[in-house]
Amino acid sequence: MKKIKVVSADSIAIRPFVLTTVSQDEVWDATMKKISKKELKDLAEQLGLEYDDRHIVFAKKLLNAYLIGKK
């Protein structure tokens, strides 16, 4: 069973809905993180892609620079 709390109308605060408080930009910043070489290697293996350490380092630098630019 759910608990119900009965309150008076005077105790309820009414605030306007501000779209920027839930916009995609704020969610994007909160979920962004840098990518590690291990994550890239694991992803390449899952996708069946051939790679060497030079490709992984380049992809890591490229993706991290892209993510920093999106902030």
C-alpha atoms as a PDB file:
ATOM      1  CA  MET A   1       0.000   0.000   0.000  1.00  0.00           C
ATOM      2  CA  LYS A   2       1.095   3.545  -0.658  1.00  0.00           C
ATOM      3  CA  LYS A   3       1.206   6.135   2.062  1.00  0.00           C
ATOM      4  CA  ILE A   4      -0.770   9.308   1.487  1.00  0.00           C
ATOM      5  CA  LYS A   5      -0.061  12.584   3.224  1.00  0.00           C
ATOM      6  CA  VAL A   6      -2.883  15.093   3.406  1.00  0.00           C
ATOM      7  CA  VAL A   7      -1.752  18.723   3.347  1.00  0.00           C
ATOM      8  CA  SER A   8      -3.499  22.053   3.215  1.00  0.00           C
ATOM      9  CA  ALA A   9      -3.506  24.130   0.029  1.00  0.00           C
ATOM     10  CA  ASP A  10      -1.533  26.893   1.770  1.00  0.00           C
ATOM     11  CA  SER A  11       1.471  24.630   2.382  1.00  0.00           C
ATOM     12  CA  ILE A  12       1.998  23.830  -1.314  1.00  0.00           C
ATOM     13  CA  ALA A  13       4.546  25.941  -3.174  1.00  0.00           C
ATOM     14  CA  ILE A  14       3.759  26.739  -6.790  1.00  0.00           C
ATOM     15  CA  ARG A  15       6.769  27.406  -9.010  1.00  0.00           C
ATOM     16  CA  PRO A  16       6.861  27.965 -12.772  1.00  0.00           C
ATOM     17  CA  PHE A  17       8.269  25.220 -14.964  1.00  0.00           C
ATOM     18  CA  VAL A  18      11.631  26.329 -16.359  1.00  0.00           C
ATOM     19  CA  LEU A  19      12.646  24.311 -19.390  1.00  0.00           C
ATOM     20  CA  THR A  20      16.373  24.986 -18.989  1.00  0.00           C
ATOM     21  CA  THR A  21      16.426  23.035 -15.733  1.00  0.00           C
ATOM     22  CA  VAL A  22      15.742  19.820 -17.662  1.00  0.00           C
ATOM     23  CA  SER A  23      17.237  20.648 -21.046  1.00  0.00           C
ATOM     24  CA  GLN A  24      19.450  18.263 -22.994  1.00  0.00           C
ATOM     25  CA  ASP A  25      22.539  20.463 -22.571  1.00  0.00           C
ATOM     26  CA  GLU A  26      22.603  19.990 -18.822  1.00  0.00           C
ATOM     27  CA  VAL A  27      22.044  16.245 -19.108  1.00  0.00           C
ATOM     28  CA  TRP A  28      24.823  16.016 -21.724  1.00  0.00           C
ATOM     29  CA  ASP A  29      27.323  17.698 -19.392  1.00  0.00           C
ATOM     30  CA  ALA A  30      26.395  15.434 -16.528  1.00  0.00           C
ATOM     31  CA  THR A  31      26.857  12.233 -18.521  1.00  0.00           C
ATOM     32  CA  MET A  32      30.032  13.085 -20.416  1.00  0.00           C
ATOM     33  CA  LYS A  33      33.246  11.352 -19.417  1.00  0.00           C
ATOM     34  CA  LYS A  34      36.636  10.769 -20.953  1.00  0.00           C
ATOM     35  CA  ILE A  35      37.247   7.565 -22.865  1.00  0.00           C
ATOM     36  CA  SER A  36      40.083   5.243 -21.877  1.00  0.00           C
ATOM     37  CA  LYS A  37      42.262   3.150 -24.168  1.00  0.00           C
ATOM     38  CA  LYS A  38      40.965  -0.009 -22.498  1.00  0.00           C
ATOM     39  CA  GLU A  39      37.360   0.937 -23.329  1.00  0.00           C
ATOM     40  CA  LEU A  40      38.326   1.592 -26.954  1.00  0.00           C
ATOM     41  CA  LYS A  41      40.175  -1.730 -27.213  1.00  0.00           C
ATOM     42  CA  ASP A  42      37.206  -3.594 -25.740  1.00  0.00           C
ATOM     43  CA  LEU A  43      34.818  -1.862 -28.143  1.00  0.00           C
ATOM     44  CA  ALA A  44      37.033  -2.661 -31.130  1.00  0.00           C
ATOM     45  CA  GLU A  45      37.161  -6.312 -30.098  1.00  0.00           C
ATOM     46  CA  GLN A  46      33.382  -6.442 -29.666  1.00  0.00           C
ATOM     47  CA  LEU A  47      32.917  -4.996 -33.148  1.00  0.00           C
ATOM     48  CA  GLY A  48      35.524  -7.319 -34.644  1.00  0.00           C
ATOM     49  CA  LEU A  49      37.748  -4.455 -35.805  1.00  0.00           C
ATOM     50  CA  GLU A  50      41.479  -4.714 -36.327  1.00  0.00           C
ATOM     51  CA  TYR A  51      43.551  -2.132 -34.493  1.00  0.00           C
ATOM     52  CA  ASP A  52      46.992  -1.370 -33.160  1.00  0.00           C
ATOM     53  CA  ASP A  53      48.114   0.853 -30.308  1.00  0.00           C
ATOM     54  CA  ARG A  54      48.673   3.816 -32.644  1.00  0.00           C
ATOM     55  CA  HIS A  55      45.045   3.692 -33.838  1.00  0.00           C
ATOM     56  CA  ILE A  56      43.745   3.451 -30.256  1.00  0.00           C
ATOM     57  CA  VAL A  57      45.802   6.460 -29.109  1.00  0.00           C
ATOM     58  CA  PHE A  58      44.600   8.518 -32.085  1.00  0.00           C
ATOM     59  CA  ALA A  59      40.947   7.575 -31.536  1.00  0.00           C
ATOM     60  CA  LYS A  60      41.203   8.354 -27.818  1.00  0.00           C
ATOM     61  CA  LYS A  61      42.667  11.817 -28.466  1.00  0.00           C
ATOM     62  CA  LEU A  62      40.092  12.530 -31.161  1.00  0.00           C
ATOM     63  CA  LEU A  63      37.065  11.448 -29.107  1.00  0.00           C
ATOM     64  CA  ASN A  64      38.190  13.229 -25.946  1.00  0.00           C
ATOM     65  CA  ALA A  65      38.821  16.454 -27.893  1.00  0.00           C
ATOM     66  CA  TYR A  66      35.345  16.119 -29.439  1.00  0.00           C
ATOM     67  CA  LEU A  67      33.725  15.651 -26.022  1.00  0.00           C
ATOM     68  CA  ILE A  68      35.571  18.646 -24.559  1.00  0.00           C
ATOM     69  CA  GLY A  69      34.412  20.751 -27.497  1.00  0.00           C
ATOM     70  CA  LYS A  70      30.766  19.773 -26.839  1.00  0.00           C
ATOM     71  CA  LYS A  71      30.775  21.179 -23.280  1.00  0.00           C
END
